[in-house]
Amino acid sequence: MAISATYRAWLAAIDAGDDEQAEALSRQLTLTDSPALLAQVAAADLDLRWWAVRALALYGPPAAAGPIAAACDDPEPSVRAAAALALSLLCGRYPAAAEPYLSALAVRLADIDGMVRQANADALAQCGEAALPVLAEVLEFGPEAARARGLCPAQDGQQTGGGAALPPAQRPQPVDPYLCL
């Protein structure tokens, strides 16, 4: 696997704890760096996992959807939240590749960590109509915490016309916006 000079500099910035430089370099990585980034999603180092998910969110190929969905189950909440948002960005670029993994986001609507719950709700809302079947299942069968959180993106879909794709009994009712916090 060929490693670019940008990728090596990105690794050095992460190792040095230079988030500003790592972010700038993340934006310079390309699809040719994806195989190395995909390997880092499961790295032992927390910072490396988080930054790999971040970089794949920007430029990851369709094949990144599976590893990013797996990162939604990472033991670290910041990685789970980053993975949720990364999956939503992949859904925007490669819907067919990301849609099979949207259920990973729905499961995390009941995550123990509030930041993760919010990131997953935001991610599902960003996926738009692609997330409606998953949200319908959560609203019908999910645990109470997930159903309450699932109403927020479903409500967003209803406001944009997407809620019409749900059967009438599953269409979200108006939601108090404070319930979505």
Protein backbone atom coordinates (compact mmCIF):
# COMPACT_ATOMS: atom_id res chain seq x y z
CA MET A 1 0.00 0.00 0.00
CA ALA A 2 1.45 3.33 -1.08
CA ILE A 3 1.49 6.00 1.60
CA SER A 4 1.45 9.63 0.50
CA ALA A 5 3.57 12.38 2.01
CA THR A 6 0.33 14.06 3.11
CA TYR A 7 -0.73 10.92 4.93
CA ARG A 8 2.63 10.71 6.72
CA ALA A 9 2.37 14.38 7.72
CA TRP A 10 -1.21 13.75 8.90
CA LEU A 11 0.01 10.88 11.11
CA ALA A 12 2.77 13.11 12.52
CA ALA A 13 0.26 15.86 13.34
CA ILE A 14 -1.97 13.37 15.16
CA ASP A 15 1.01 11.95 17.04
CA ALA A 16 2.03 15.50 18.05
CA GLY A 17 -1.51 16.30 19.21
CA ASP A 18 -1.73 19.16 16.70
CA ASP A 19 -5.46 19.10 15.93
CA GLU A 20 -5.35 22.20 13.76
CA GLN A 21 -2.66 20.69 11.52
CA ALA A 22 -4.38 17.30 11.48
CA GLU A 23 -7.62 18.95 10.34
CA ALA A 24 -5.85 20.90 7.61
CA LEU A 25 -4.10 17.75 6.41
CA SER A 26 -7.35 15.74 6.59
CA ARG A 27 -8.69 18.06 3.93
CA GLN A 28 -5.68 17.31 1.70
CA LEU A 29 -5.96 13.52 1.86
CA THR A 30 -7.39 11.82 -1.21
CA LEU A 31 -9.06 8.57 -2.19
CA THR A 32 -5.62 7.05 -2.71
CA ASP A 33 -5.09 7.39 1.07
CA SER A 34 -8.33 5.52 1.81
CA PRO A 35 -6.84 2.01 2.26
CA ALA A 36 -4.48 3.30 4.95
CA LEU A 37 -7.29 5.32 6.57
CA LEU A 38 -9.60 2.31 6.58
CA ALA A 39 -6.96 0.34 8.47
CA GLN A 40 -6.74 3.09 11.09
CA VAL A 41 -10.47 3.01 11.92
CA ALA A 42 -9.77 -0.04 14.10
CA ALA A 43 -6.43 1.20 15.51
CA ALA A 44 -5.69 0.84 19.21
CA ASP A 45 -4.96 4.58 19.51
CA LEU A 46 -8.09 6.64 20.21
CA ASP A 47 -6.87 9.77 18.40
CA LEU A 48 -5.93 7.77 15.33
CA ARG A 49 -9.37 6.11 15.21
CA TRP A 50 -11.15 9.45 15.57
CA TRP A 51 -9.06 11.17 12.92
CA ALA A 52 -9.38 8.23 10.51
CA VAL A 53 -13.16 8.43 10.79
CA ARG A 54 -12.97 12.21 10.33
CA ALA A 55 -10.82 11.93 7.20
CA LEU A 56 -13.02 9.20 5.71
CA ALA A 57 -16.04 11.43 6.29
CA LEU A 58 -14.44 13.95 3.96
CA TYR A 59 -13.11 11.71 1.19
CA GLY A 60 -13.91 8.11 1.99
CA PRO A 61 -14.96 5.76 -0.81
CA PRO A 62 -18.17 3.72 -0.76
CA ALA A 63 -16.21 0.87 0.87
CA ALA A 64 -15.74 3.07 3.96
CA ALA A 65 -19.41 2.69 4.94
CA GLY A 66 -18.93 -0.70 6.61
CA PRO A 67 -15.89 0.21 8.72
CA ILE A 68 -17.45 3.54 9.69
CA ALA A 69 -20.67 1.78 10.71
CA ALA A 70 -18.56 -0.58 12.83
CA ALA A 71 -17.00 2.49 14.47
CA CYS A 72 -20.51 3.45 15.63
CA ASP A 73 -19.92 0.72 18.25
CA ASP A 74 -16.50 2.02 19.34
CA PRO A 75 -15.98 2.03 23.12
CA GLU A 76 -15.12 5.76 22.99
CA PRO A 77 -18.12 8.13 22.70
CA SER A 78 -16.24 10.70 20.59
CA VAL A 79 -15.47 8.04 17.97
CA ARG A 80 -19.10 6.83 17.99
CA ALA A 81 -20.33 10.39 17.44
CA ALA A 82 -17.79 11.08 14.69
CA ALA A 83 -18.70 7.80 13.00
CA ALA A 84 -22.40 8.69 12.99
CA LEU A 85 -21.75 12.01 11.29
CA ALA A 86 -19.26 10.41 8.89
CA LEU A 87 -21.84 7.82 7.86
CA SER A 88 -24.34 10.59 7.12
CA LEU A 89 -21.80 12.34 4.89
CA LEU A 90 -21.14 9.08 3.06
CA CYS A 91 -24.89 8.64 2.67
CA GLY A 92 -24.98 11.99 0.91
CA ARG A 93 -22.24 10.96 -1.53
CA TYR A 94 -22.91 7.22 -1.86
CA PRO A 95 -26.47 6.48 -0.72
CA ALA A 96 -26.50 2.90 -1.99
CA ALA A 97 -23.32 2.09 -0.04
CA ALA A 98 -24.39 3.77 3.21
CA GLU A 99 -28.11 2.93 3.42
CA PRO A 100 -27.59 -0.69 4.56
CA TYR A 101 -25.72 0.67 7.60
CA LEU A 102 -28.21 3.33 8.72
CA SER A 103 -29.63 0.93 11.29
CA ALA A 104 -26.32 1.36 13.17
CA LEU A 105 -27.32 4.99 13.66
CA ALA A 106 -30.81 4.09 14.83
CA VAL A 107 -29.45 1.74 17.49
CA ARG A 108 -27.36 4.58 18.92
CA LEU A 109 -30.40 6.83 19.39
CA ALA A 110 -30.54 5.14 22.79
CA ASP A 111 -26.79 5.41 23.50
CA ILE A 112 -25.78 6.05 27.11
CA ASP A 113 -23.90 9.19 26.02
CA GLY A 114 -25.96 12.28 25.14
CA MET A 115 -23.45 13.56 22.58
CA VAL A 116 -23.67 10.23 20.74
CA ARG A 117 -27.47 10.24 20.84
CA GLN A 118 -27.54 13.76 19.39
CA ALA A 119 -24.94 12.97 16.72
CA ASN A 120 -26.96 9.95 15.60
CA ALA A 121 -30.21 11.93 15.49
CA ASP A 122 -28.45 14.65 13.47
CA ALA A 123 -26.90 12.06 11.17
CA LEU A 124 -30.25 10.39 10.46
CA ALA A 125 -31.81 13.79 9.77
CA GLN A 126 -28.99 14.57 7.33
CA CYS A 127 -29.65 11.27 5.54
CA GLY A 128 -33.14 12.52 4.73
CA GLU A 129 -35.53 10.15 3.02
CA ALA A 130 -32.93 7.37 2.99
CA ALA A 131 -33.35 7.13 6.78
CA LEU A 132 -37.17 6.97 6.81
CA PRO A 133 -37.47 3.15 6.76
CA VAL A 134 -35.01 2.89 9.66
CA LEU A 135 -36.81 5.61 11.60
CA ALA A 136 -40.17 3.95 10.98
CA GLU A 137 -38.81 0.76 12.52
CA VAL A 138 -37.42 2.66 15.52
CA LEU A 139 -40.73 4.45 16.05
CA GLU A 140 -42.63 1.19 15.97
CA PHE A 141 -40.32 -1.25 17.74
CA GLY A 142 -37.43 0.67 19.32
CA PRO A 143 -36.85 1.29 23.00
CA GLU A 144 -38.53 4.38 24.44
CA ALA A 145 -35.34 6.45 24.50
CA ALA A 146 -34.68 5.69 20.83
CA ARG A 147 -38.30 6.41 19.87
CA ALA A 148 -38.17 9.83 21.52
CA ARG A 149 -34.87 10.65 19.82
CA GLY A 150 -36.09 9.14 16.54
CA LEU A 151 -38.99 11.56 16.41
CA CYS A 152 -36.62 14.47 15.82
CA PRO A 153 -35.19 13.35 12.46
CA ALA A 154 -38.54 11.91 11.44
CA GLN A 155 -40.13 15.27 12.19
CA ASP A 156 -37.47 16.91 10.02
CA GLY A 157 -38.39 14.50 7.23
CA GLN A 158 -42.06 15.35 7.60
CA GLN A 159 -41.35 19.05 7.30
CA THR A 160 -39.49 18.48 4.04
CA GLY A 161 -42.17 16.18 2.66
CA GLY A 162 -40.27 13.01 3.50
CA GLY A 163 -42.71 12.00 6.23
CA ALA A 164 -45.29 11.23 3.56
CA ALA A 165 -43.30 8.08 2.76
CA LEU A 166 -44.27 6.64 6.15
CA PRO A 167 -47.58 4.84 6.66
CA PRO A 168 -50.11 7.18 8.32
CA ALA A 169 -49.89 5.42 11.71
CA GLN A 170 -46.10 5.92 11.73
CA ARG A 171 -46.01 9.52 10.56
CA PRO A 172 -44.53 11.64 13.30
CA GLN A 173 -46.77 13.96 15.19
CA PRO A 174 -45.61 17.49 15.96
CA VAL A 175 -42.77 17.29 18.44
CA ASP A 176 -41.77 19.67 21.15
CA PRO A 177 -38.29 20.84 19.98
CA TYR A 178 -37.00 20.56 23.56
CA LEU A 179 -37.59 16.80 23.37
CA CYS A 180 -34.88 16.70 20.69
CA LEU A 181 -32.11 18.23 22.83
